[in-house]
Protein backbone atom coordinates (compact mmCIF):
# COMPACT_ATOMS: atom_id res chain seq x y z
CA MET A 1 0.62 -9.94 3.06
CA VAL A 2 2.92 -9.48 5.99
CA ALA A 3 3.25 -12.28 8.59
CA VAL A 4 4.41 -11.39 12.02
CA ALA A 5 6.35 -14.10 13.84
CA GLN A 6 5.36 -15.23 17.38
CA HIS A 7 8.98 -15.26 18.65
CA PRO A 8 11.16 -12.17 19.16
CA ASN A 9 13.63 -13.08 16.48
CA ILE A 10 11.65 -11.81 13.48
CA GLU A 11 13.03 -12.56 10.14
CA LEU A 12 12.70 -10.17 7.18
CA VAL A 13 11.60 -12.22 4.14
CA THR A 14 11.93 -10.28 0.88
CA TYR A 15 11.22 -10.99 -2.69
CA ALA A 16 8.85 -13.76 -1.67
CA GLU A 17 5.18 -14.76 -1.73
CA VAL A 18 2.74 -16.68 0.46
CA SER A 19 1.85 -20.05 -1.07
CA LYS A 20 -0.10 -21.82 1.66
CA ILE A 21 -1.71 -20.90 5.02
CA SER A 22 -3.34 -23.15 7.66
CA GLY A 23 -3.90 -23.11 11.37
CA TYR A 24 -5.58 -20.54 13.61
CA ILE A 25 -4.71 -17.69 16.00
CA GLY A 26 -1.37 -18.24 17.61
CA ASN A 27 -0.75 -21.39 15.56
CA PHE A 28 -0.69 -20.37 11.90
CA GLN A 29 1.42 -22.43 9.62
CA VAL A 30 2.59 -20.41 6.65
CA GLN A 31 4.48 -21.65 3.67
CA ILE A 32 6.42 -18.91 1.89
CA LYS A 33 7.97 -19.18 -1.53
CA LYS A 34 11.31 -17.50 -1.60
CA LYS A 35 11.67 -16.70 -5.34
CA ALA A 36 14.95 -17.29 -7.08
CA LYS A 37 16.90 -13.92 -7.23
CA TYR A 38 19.93 -15.39 -8.99
CA VAL A 39 21.92 -12.91 -6.71
CA ASP A 40 23.29 -13.86 -3.29
CA TRP A 41 22.07 -10.90 -1.21
CA ASP A 42 24.25 -11.89 1.72
CA ALA A 43 27.31 -11.36 -0.45
CA CYS A 44 26.04 -8.50 -2.60
CA THR A 45 27.05 -4.99 -1.53
CA GLY A 46 24.58 -3.19 -3.77
CA CYS A 47 27.34 -1.38 -5.68
CA GLY A 48 25.23 -1.33 -8.90
CA LEU A 49 28.07 -2.32 -11.24
CA CYS A 50 26.06 -5.15 -12.72
CA THR A 51 23.11 -2.92 -13.34
CA GLU A 52 25.28 -0.45 -15.32
CA LYS A 53 27.04 -3.13 -17.41
CA CYS A 54 24.04 -5.31 -18.31
CA PRO A 55 23.60 -5.25 -22.12
CA THR A 56 19.82 -5.89 -21.86
CA LYS A 57 18.78 -2.41 -21.06
CA LYS A 58 15.60 -1.58 -22.93
CA LEU A 59 13.08 -3.57 -20.99
CA LYS A 60 9.87 -1.65 -19.97
CA ASP A 61 10.04 -0.82 -16.18
CA GLU A 62 6.97 -2.08 -14.33
CA PHE A 63 7.42 0.34 -11.55
CA ASP A 64 7.29 3.27 -13.90
CA LEU A 65 4.18 1.68 -15.54
CA GLY A 66 6.09 1.08 -18.78
CA MET A 67 7.11 4.74 -19.30
CA GLY A 68 10.71 4.04 -18.24
CA ILE A 69 13.27 1.37 -19.15
CA ARG A 70 15.40 -0.96 -17.07
CA PRO A 71 18.07 -3.63 -17.48
CA ALA A 72 17.51 -7.35 -16.94
CA ILE A 73 19.25 -7.17 -13.58
CA HIS A 74 17.85 -4.38 -11.43
CA LYS A 75 16.24 -3.46 -8.07
CA LEU A 76 12.45 -3.90 -7.66
CA PHE A 77 12.21 -0.11 -7.34
CA PRO A 78 14.67 2.66 -6.36
CA GLN A 79 13.77 2.68 -2.63
CA ALA A 80 13.63 -1.05 -2.22
CA VAL A 81 14.88 -2.53 1.08
CA PRO A 82 17.43 -4.08 0.83
CA GLY A 83 18.85 -1.99 -2.02
CA LYS A 84 20.08 -5.02 -3.94
CA PRO A 85 19.27 -6.31 -7.50
CA TYR A 86 17.69 -9.43 -8.78
CA ILE A 87 17.71 -10.91 -12.26
CA ASP A 88 14.57 -11.00 -14.42
CA ALA A 89 14.81 -14.66 -15.51
CA ASP A 90 12.28 -14.12 -18.39
CA ASN A 91 14.55 -11.51 -20.13
CA CYS A 92 18.16 -12.52 -18.96
CA ARG A 93 20.08 -13.80 -21.94
CA LYS A 94 22.17 -16.08 -19.80
CA LEU A 95 19.15 -17.76 -18.41
CA THR A 96 17.07 -18.01 -21.64
CA GLU A 97 19.85 -18.54 -24.20
CA ASP A 98 22.89 -19.38 -22.15
CA LYS A 99 24.71 -16.32 -23.58
CA CYS A 100 26.09 -13.14 -22.15
CA GLY A 101 26.91 -13.57 -18.26
CA VAL A 102 28.50 -10.14 -18.05
CA CYS A 103 27.19 -9.53 -14.61
CA GLU A 104 28.84 -12.65 -13.23
CA LYS A 105 32.16 -11.68 -14.73
CA ILE A 106 32.27 -8.18 -13.34
CA CYS A 107 30.73 -8.74 -9.94
CA PRO A 108 33.60 -7.98 -7.45
CA VAL A 109 32.25 -10.27 -4.74
CA GLY A 110 30.98 -13.15 -6.79
CA ALA A 111 27.32 -12.63 -5.86
CA ILE A 112 25.82 -13.73 -9.17
CA LYS A 113 24.24 -17.23 -8.83
CA PHE A 114 22.67 -18.54 -12.09
CA ASP A 115 21.88 -21.80 -10.49
CA ASP A 116 19.58 -20.26 -7.87
CA GLN A 117 16.25 -22.05 -7.29
CA ASP A 118 12.93 -21.19 -5.67
CA GLN A 119 12.84 -22.31 -2.12
CA TYR A 120 9.76 -23.13 0.14
CA VAL A 121 10.07 -22.39 3.74
CA ASP A 122 7.58 -23.14 6.55
CA TYR A 123 7.04 -20.68 9.47
CA GLU A 124 4.98 -20.84 12.57
CA ILE A 125 3.16 -17.60 12.85
CA GLY A 126 1.15 -16.11 15.73
CA ALA A 127 -0.71 -13.39 13.77
CA ILE A 128 -1.25 -12.17 10.31
CA VAL A 129 -1.49 -8.59 9.07
CA MET A 130 -3.15 -8.25 5.66
CA ALA A 131 -1.56 -5.33 3.63
CA THR A 132 -2.33 -6.34 0.06
CA GLY A 133 -2.94 -2.79 -1.13
CA TYR A 134 -4.97 -1.98 -4.30
CA ASP A 135 -4.92 -1.92 -8.05
CA LEU A 136 -6.16 0.65 -10.52
CA PHE A 137 -9.47 0.24 -12.25
CA GLN A 138 -9.05 -0.90 -15.87
CA TRP A 139 -10.63 2.06 -17.51
CA GLU A 140 -9.27 1.01 -21.02
CA GLU A 141 -11.83 -1.82 -21.04
CA ALA A 142 -14.78 0.24 -19.90
CA TYR A 143 -14.51 3.82 -21.11
CA GLY A 144 -14.52 3.73 -24.90
CA GLU A 145 -15.36 7.55 -24.98
CA TYR A 146 -11.86 8.07 -23.54
CA GLY A 147 -10.13 6.15 -26.38
CA TYR A 148 -9.94 2.61 -24.93
CA GLY A 149 -6.27 3.38 -23.97
CA LYS A 150 -5.35 3.96 -27.59
CA TYR A 151 -4.24 7.58 -27.14
CA PRO A 152 -0.78 7.55 -25.52
CA ASP A 153 -1.33 11.07 -24.01
CA VAL A 154 -4.36 9.87 -22.01
CA ILE A 155 -2.79 8.46 -18.78
CA SER A 156 -3.75 7.68 -15.26
CA GLY A 157 -2.98 9.64 -12.12
CA LEU A 158 -0.40 7.01 -11.17
CA HIS A 159 1.43 7.49 -14.44
CA PHE A 160 1.45 11.34 -13.78
CA GLU A 161 2.83 10.59 -10.28
CA ARG A 162 5.83 8.86 -11.81
CA LEU A 163 6.34 11.72 -14.23
CA VAL A 164 6.63 14.32 -11.54
CA SER A 165 8.84 12.10 -9.33
CA ALA A 166 12.45 13.10 -9.20
CA GLY A 167 13.27 9.44 -9.43
CA GLY A 168 10.86 8.81 -12.28
CA PRO A 169 11.53 8.14 -16.04
CA THR A 170 11.63 11.84 -16.81
CA LEU A 171 13.58 12.87 -13.61
CA GLY A 172 10.58 15.01 -12.47
CA HIS A 173 10.06 16.86 -15.75
CA ILE A 174 6.40 16.66 -17.07
CA LYS A 175 6.57 15.29 -20.58
CA ARG A 176 4.12 13.81 -22.92
CA PRO A 177 4.48 10.05 -23.39
CA SER A 178 3.89 10.33 -27.24
CA ASP A 179 6.61 12.77 -28.16
CA GLY A 180 8.41 13.74 -24.97
CA LYS A 181 7.38 17.45 -25.31
CA GLU A 182 6.35 19.52 -22.30
CA PRO A 183 2.55 20.03 -22.30
CA LYS A 184 1.27 23.57 -21.98
CA SER A 185 -2.33 22.42 -21.17
CA VAL A 186 -3.23 19.51 -19.04
CA ALA A 187 -6.76 18.26 -18.35
CA PHE A 188 -7.67 16.12 -15.20
CA ILE A 189 -10.83 14.09 -15.21
CA LYS A 190 -12.06 12.91 -11.79
CA CYS A 191 -14.14 9.86 -10.92
CA VAL A 192 -13.15 7.56 -13.80
CA GLY A 193 -14.60 4.29 -12.54
CA SER A 194 -15.58 5.79 -9.19
CA ARG A 195 -19.19 6.57 -8.35
CA ASP A 196 -20.34 5.11 -11.61
CA ASP A 197 -22.93 2.23 -11.28
CA THR A 198 -23.14 1.62 -14.95
CA LYS A 199 -19.48 1.00 -15.95
CA GLY A 200 -17.42 1.31 -12.80
CA LYS A 201 -17.71 1.14 -9.04
CA SER A 202 -20.45 2.73 -6.87
CA TYR A 203 -18.04 3.85 -4.17
CA CYS A 204 -15.87 6.95 -3.89
CA SER A 205 -12.09 6.26 -4.01
CA ARG A 206 -11.54 9.08 -1.46
CA ALA A 207 -7.93 10.02 -2.42
CA CYS A 208 -8.66 11.26 -6.04
CA CYS A 209 -9.78 14.74 -5.12
CA MET A 210 -6.69 15.60 -3.26
CA TYR A 211 -4.09 14.04 -5.53
CA THR A 212 -5.75 15.71 -8.55
CA ALA A 213 -5.54 19.11 -6.77
CA LYS A 214 -1.94 18.25 -6.05
CA HIS A 215 -1.22 17.37 -9.74
CA ALA A 216 -2.91 20.54 -10.98
CA TYR A 217 -0.89 22.57 -8.56
CA GLN A 218 2.34 20.86 -9.85
CA VAL A 219 1.47 21.65 -13.42
CA LYS A 220 1.04 25.33 -12.57
CA THR A 221 4.31 25.38 -10.65
CA LYS A 222 6.51 23.26 -12.84
CA ILE A 223 5.44 24.58 -16.32
CA GLU A 224 5.49 28.14 -17.00
CA ASP A 225 2.36 29.73 -18.72
CA SER A 226 0.54 26.44 -18.42
CA GLU A 227 -3.10 25.67 -18.03
CA ALA A 228 -4.66 23.06 -15.80
CA TYR A 229 -8.28 22.09 -16.21
CA VAL A 230 -9.99 19.86 -13.64
CA PHE A 231 -13.28 18.20 -14.61
CA TYR A 232 -15.15 17.11 -11.44
CA MET A 233 -18.54 15.92 -10.20
CA ASP A 234 -17.94 17.09 -6.61
CA VAL A 235 -14.89 18.05 -4.63
CA ARG A 236 -14.57 16.04 -1.39
CA THR A 237 -11.81 17.40 0.84
CA ALA A 238 -12.54 15.73 4.16
CA GLY A 239 -9.10 15.92 6.04
CA LYS A 240 -6.89 18.14 8.00
CA ASN A 241 -5.74 21.11 5.89
CA TYR A 242 -7.29 19.42 2.81
CA GLU A 243 -9.77 22.18 2.03
CA GLU A 244 -6.98 24.80 2.41
CA PHE A 245 -4.83 22.94 -0.14
CA TYR A 246 -7.78 22.77 -2.56
CA GLN A 247 -8.25 26.53 -2.24
CA ARG A 248 -4.49 26.94 -2.83
CA ALA A 249 -4.75 25.10 -6.16
CA LEU A 250 -7.69 27.28 -7.16
CA ASN A 251 -5.77 30.45 -6.25
CA GLU A 252 -2.73 29.29 -8.17
CA GLY A 253 -4.79 29.31 -11.34
CA ALA A 254 -6.22 25.80 -11.82
CA THR A 255 -9.53 25.86 -13.57
CA PHE A 256 -12.23 23.66 -12.02
CA ILE A 257 -15.06 22.80 -14.39
CA ARG A 258 -18.18 20.96 -12.92
CA GLY A 259 -19.17 18.33 -15.49
CA ARG A 260 -18.36 14.90 -16.77
CA VAL A 261 -16.29 14.59 -19.99
CA SER A 262 -18.42 12.73 -22.57
CA LYS A 263 -15.77 12.20 -25.25
CA ILE A 264 -12.04 12.56 -25.93
CA TYR A 265 -10.78 12.62 -29.58
CA PRO A 266 -7.51 13.75 -31.23
CA LYS A 267 -7.15 16.82 -33.19
CA GLY A 268 -3.74 17.27 -34.64
CA ASP A 269 -1.21 16.90 -31.82
CA LYS A 270 -3.89 17.80 -29.23
CA LEU A 271 -6.69 16.06 -27.53
CA VAL A 272 -10.21 17.60 -27.46
CA LEU A 273 -12.44 17.05 -24.49
CA LYS A 274 -16.22 17.50 -24.95
CA SER A 275 -18.15 18.20 -21.70
CA GLU A 276 -20.66 20.40 -20.12
CA ASP A 277 -20.21 23.02 -17.50
CA THR A 278 -23.24 22.42 -15.38
CA LEU A 279 -22.80 25.61 -13.31
CA ILE A 280 -23.55 27.66 -16.35
CA GLY A 281 -25.51 25.04 -18.23
CA ARG A 282 -23.55 25.11 -21.51
CA PRO A 283 -21.56 22.57 -23.45
CA ILE A 284 -17.85 23.25 -23.75
CA GLU A 285 -14.81 21.91 -25.51
CA VAL A 286 -11.34 22.10 -24.15
CA GLU A 287 -8.15 21.34 -26.05
CA ALA A 288 -5.34 19.72 -24.09
CA ASP A 289 -1.76 18.40 -24.60
CA LEU A 290 -2.17 15.81 -21.92
CA VAL A 291 -5.20 14.20 -20.17
CA VAL A 292 -4.83 12.58 -16.73
CA LEU A 293 -7.61 10.25 -15.41
CA ALA A 294 -8.18 9.91 -11.72
CA THR A 295 -9.10 6.10 -11.94
CA ALA A 296 -10.79 4.23 -9.15
CA MET A 297 -9.06 2.01 -6.63
CA VAL A 298 -10.01 -1.68 -6.72
CA PRO A 299 -8.87 -4.65 -4.63
CA SER A 300 -5.55 -6.07 -5.66
CA GLN A 301 -5.28 -9.09 -7.98
CA GLY A 302 -5.47 -12.32 -5.97
CA SER A 303 -6.69 -10.75 -2.76
CA LEU A 304 -10.03 -12.52 -2.90
CA GLU A 305 -8.41 -16.02 -3.25
CA LEU A 306 -6.10 -15.10 -0.33
CA ALA A 307 -9.14 -14.17 1.85
CA LYS A 308 -10.77 -17.54 1.06
CA THR A 309 -7.53 -19.33 2.01
CA ILE A 310 -7.30 -17.72 5.30
CA GLY A 311 -10.98 -17.80 5.98
CA PHE A 312 -12.44 -14.40 6.31
CA SER A 313 -15.03 -12.41 4.25
CA THR A 314 -15.02 -9.60 1.72
CA ASP A 315 -17.69 -7.03 0.86
CA LYS A 316 -19.63 -6.82 -2.41
CA ASP A 317 -16.76 -5.03 -4.08
CA GLY A 318 -14.08 -7.43 -3.00
CA TRP A 319 -12.51 -5.29 -0.18
CA TYR A 320 -11.56 -7.09 2.99
CA GLN A 321 -14.44 -6.95 5.58
CA GLU A 322 -13.58 -5.78 9.09
CA ALA A 323 -15.27 -7.28 12.16
CA HIS A 324 -16.95 -3.93 13.10
CA PRO A 325 -16.59 -0.61 11.29
CA LYS A 326 -16.44 1.36 14.52
CA LEU A 327 -15.44 -0.93 17.40
CA GLN A 328 -13.12 -3.35 15.51
CA PRO A 329 -11.89 -1.50 12.39
CA VAL A 330 -8.63 -3.35 11.98
CA GLU A 331 -9.78 -6.87 12.98
CA THR A 332 -11.42 -9.58 10.86
CA PHE A 333 -13.88 -12.28 11.74
CA SER A 334 -10.96 -14.68 11.81
CA ALA A 335 -9.17 -14.32 15.10
CA GLY A 336 -5.45 -13.33 14.79
CA VAL A 337 -5.94 -11.77 11.28
CA TYR A 338 -5.72 -8.03 11.08
CA LEU A 339 -6.13 -5.39 8.33
CA ALA A 340 -3.86 -2.51 7.37
CA GLY A 341 -4.09 -0.03 4.48
CA ALA A 342 -6.13 -0.13 1.22
CA CYS A 343 -6.87 -3.81 1.30
CA GLN A 344 -9.97 -2.81 3.45
CA GLY A 345 -11.04 0.01 1.22
CA PRO A 346 -9.82 3.10 -0.64
CA LYS A 347 -7.55 5.10 1.63
CA ASP A 348 -4.96 7.87 1.49
CA ILE A 349 -1.60 7.78 3.16
CA PRO A 350 -2.54 9.13 6.58
CA ASP A 351 -5.38 6.74 7.05
CA SER A 352 -3.23 3.84 5.83
CA VAL A 353 -0.41 4.73 8.35
CA ALA A 354 -2.93 5.08 11.20
CA GLN A 355 -4.50 1.73 10.45
CA ALA A 356 -1.11 0.04 10.16
CA SER A 357 -0.14 1.35 13.49
CA ALA A 358 -3.39 0.15 15.03
CA ALA A 359 -2.83 -3.33 13.59
CA ALA A 360 0.66 -3.49 14.93
CA VAL A 361 -0.63 -2.51 18.39
CA LYS A 362 -3.29 -5.29 18.12
CA VAL A 363 -0.59 -7.81 17.41
CA CYS A 364 1.53 -6.59 20.27
CA GLY A 365 -1.48 -6.86 22.55
CA LEU A 366 -2.20 -10.44 21.40
CA PHE A 367 1.49 -11.59 22.02
CA SER A 368 1.56 -9.98 25.41
CA LYS A 369 -1.09 -12.45 26.79
CA THR A 370 -0.56 -16.02 27.92
CA GLU A 371 -4.19 -16.92 27.60
CA LEU A 372 -6.73 -15.94 24.88
CA ALA A 373 -10.39 -15.12 25.45
CA THR A 374 -12.64 -17.04 23.03
CA GLU A 375 -16.27 -16.67 22.01
CA PRO A 376 -18.41 -18.73 24.47
CA MET A 377 -21.26 -19.24 22.10
CA THR A 378 -19.57 -21.71 19.68
CA SER A 379 -20.77 -24.77 17.86
CA GLU A 380 -20.39 -28.25 19.32
CA VAL A 381 -20.68 -31.64 17.79
CA ASP A 382 -22.63 -34.62 19.23
CA SER A 383 -20.35 -37.47 18.28
CA ILE A 384 -23.11 -40.03 18.61
CA LYS A 385 -25.39 -38.29 16.09
CA CYS A 386 -22.67 -37.24 13.80
CA SER A 387 -22.50 -39.37 10.54
CA GLY A 388 -19.35 -37.71 9.17
CA CYS A 389 -21.03 -36.67 5.89
CA GLY A 390 -18.86 -33.44 5.89
CA LEU A 391 -21.56 -31.14 4.62
CA CYS A 392 -20.90 -28.67 7.41
CA VAL A 393 -17.23 -28.31 6.45
CA PRO A 394 -17.60 -26.10 3.37
CA ILE A 395 -20.59 -24.22 4.94
CA CYS A 396 -18.35 -22.72 7.76
CA PRO A 397 -17.08 -19.27 6.67
CA TYR A 398 -14.18 -19.43 9.16
CA ASN A 399 -12.85 -22.81 8.34
CA ALA A 400 -13.57 -23.90 11.88
CA ILE A 401 -14.98 -27.34 11.07
CA SER A 402 -12.88 -30.29 9.94
CA LEU A 403 -13.29 -34.06 9.80
CA LYS A 404 -11.38 -36.49 12.05
CA ASP A 405 -11.27 -40.24 12.56
CA ILE A 406 -12.01 -41.70 16.02
CA GLN A 407 -11.73 -45.19 17.29
CA GLU A 408 -14.82 -46.80 18.79
CA ARG A 409 -15.42 -50.21 20.51
CA GLY A 410 -17.58 -52.60 18.64
CA GLY A 411 -20.54 -54.42 20.30
CA HIS A 412 -21.84 -57.99 20.31
CA GLY A 413 -18.31 -59.45 19.83
CA HIS A 414 -17.17 -57.11 17.11
CA GLY A 415 -13.73 -55.47 17.42
CA PRO A 416 -12.94 -51.71 17.48
CA PHE A 417 -13.63 -49.76 14.26
CA THR A 418 -12.76 -46.32 12.98
CA ARG A 419 -15.59 -43.71 12.36
CA THR A 420 -15.34 -40.26 10.89
CA ILE A 421 -17.01 -37.26 12.64
CA ALA A 422 -16.94 -33.47 12.50
CA GLU A 423 -14.76 -31.52 14.87
CA VAL A 424 -15.13 -27.75 15.72
CA ASN A 425 -12.15 -25.61 16.56
CA SER A 426 -13.42 -23.27 19.23
CA SER A 427 -10.57 -20.84 18.54
CA LEU A 428 -11.86 -20.24 15.03
CA CYS A 429 -15.59 -20.60 15.50
CA GLN A 430 -17.49 -17.29 15.81
CA GLY A 431 -20.87 -18.71 16.79
CA CYS A 432 -22.62 -17.63 13.54
CA GLY A 433 -24.67 -20.89 13.43
CA ALA A 434 -24.43 -21.33 9.72
CA CYS A 435 -23.42 -25.02 10.11
CA ILE A 436 -26.52 -25.95 12.22
CA PRO A 437 -29.17 -26.01 9.51
CA ALA A 438 -26.76 -27.80 7.20
CA CYS A 439 -26.44 -30.76 9.49
CA ARG A 440 -28.94 -33.53 8.39
CA THR A 441 -28.52 -35.53 11.64
CA ALA A 442 -28.99 -32.61 13.96
CA ALA A 443 -25.54 -33.39 15.51
CA LEU A 444 -24.53 -29.73 15.62
CA ASN A 445 -25.72 -27.32 18.22
CA LEU A 446 -24.78 -23.83 19.31
CA LYS A 447 -23.78 -23.64 22.93
CA GLY A 448 -26.45 -21.69 24.80
CA TYR A 449 -29.01 -22.12 22.10
CA THR A 450 -29.76 -25.89 22.11
CA ASP A 451 -33.43 -26.90 21.62
CA GLU A 452 -33.61 -27.93 25.30
CA GLN A 453 -32.33 -24.59 26.53
CA LEU A 454 -34.72 -22.65 24.19
CA VAL A 455 -37.69 -24.65 25.46
CA SER A 456 -36.55 -24.05 29.07
CA GLU A 457 -36.42 -20.29 28.43
CA VAL A 458 -40.05 -20.30 26.97
CA ASP A 459 -41.21 -22.37 29.81
CA ALA A 460 -39.71 -19.97 32.26
CA LEU A 461 -41.33 -17.01 30.54
CA CYS A 462 -44.74 -18.61 30.61
CA LEU A 463 -44.64 -19.28 34.39
């Protein structure tokens, strides 16, 4: 999640996470946990000497999905900004065993700080842009016919993306994870977890068709005399020049087979894929050195809890719900909270960039005003009827209702006393009316829709 400050002096907060959020549009209070880096980034020059000399070098690199290795002190990923390292506290021998400390000894500017601690910092925020991204569908738990993740040469499209990257674990050379050999035949399976109501998700993940076509094209261009087989249900290429690229992959020799793979099993050093070519109506078997699965996009871990904390809704699959799919595609039902990228649903890079730009413009438009227009049809509380039971508080989907104490004068010689009643924040209330039937004392009403107003409307119609 990215928080945009209300004042012009915007601070870049890195290697941190949001721990608490409260408030409303223009007045958000955000608590950010700055995690201990054990490196003073103000003093560090990013020379990389500590990374080279660290003796703990054989840790699995999370950015390379476990296919590469890294030292205990490293950058989050090669293109990280700022390009400075941090220490993995769980695997650093100095922090776990009080041994080593090589990085501290060789650092030319004394940037290593083993006594660093987590810090909690509070910020006043005017608007929030949600950009929590996505995770990959856990196909290993659902698709036993593909080996339950036991075959090292059955990988996801994201694994393959790291293999063909020049900055990846193999420096751009396509190699099998099992033995490091160059595969001569690669099979791609689309819609693993997507468009599958029985074991996966019902929606289409949108980006899979195009990146699979790209991967098949890369196999044909990077590996001489190679074969690329693509098993598909449908090919969806809705985008500028997308269909042309798909045709290019076909013309370069990639073989597209319409049918779902029913089983994968090892045979020697190869993998056998059992399927059916539905265009000719015959079962087929394909032997491949490497199998790449186009797995579904799913909401990122923790995104649902974050949505509940801020106070806006998600759809049935856990994606963040926009206020209106056509008229308000980057806004949520919580004023001042905007969406960007795959947190709203599966997207490719152009759509994510376009939505991020739209969200940034919405924030700029919000900050350019001195006054805010609010929803006129909001709930209101009759303080005389309200008993302060609090049943309406958890009902409100926008966290617009809270309880407060008020002082009232006592009668018949009694002194003043304190009473608890409900209070509606009109900046947060969207006028949904969900709180009204929950109120047992009928103390809540929707402006413009009170019983008296509705009766008056009926009387006027009957005249």
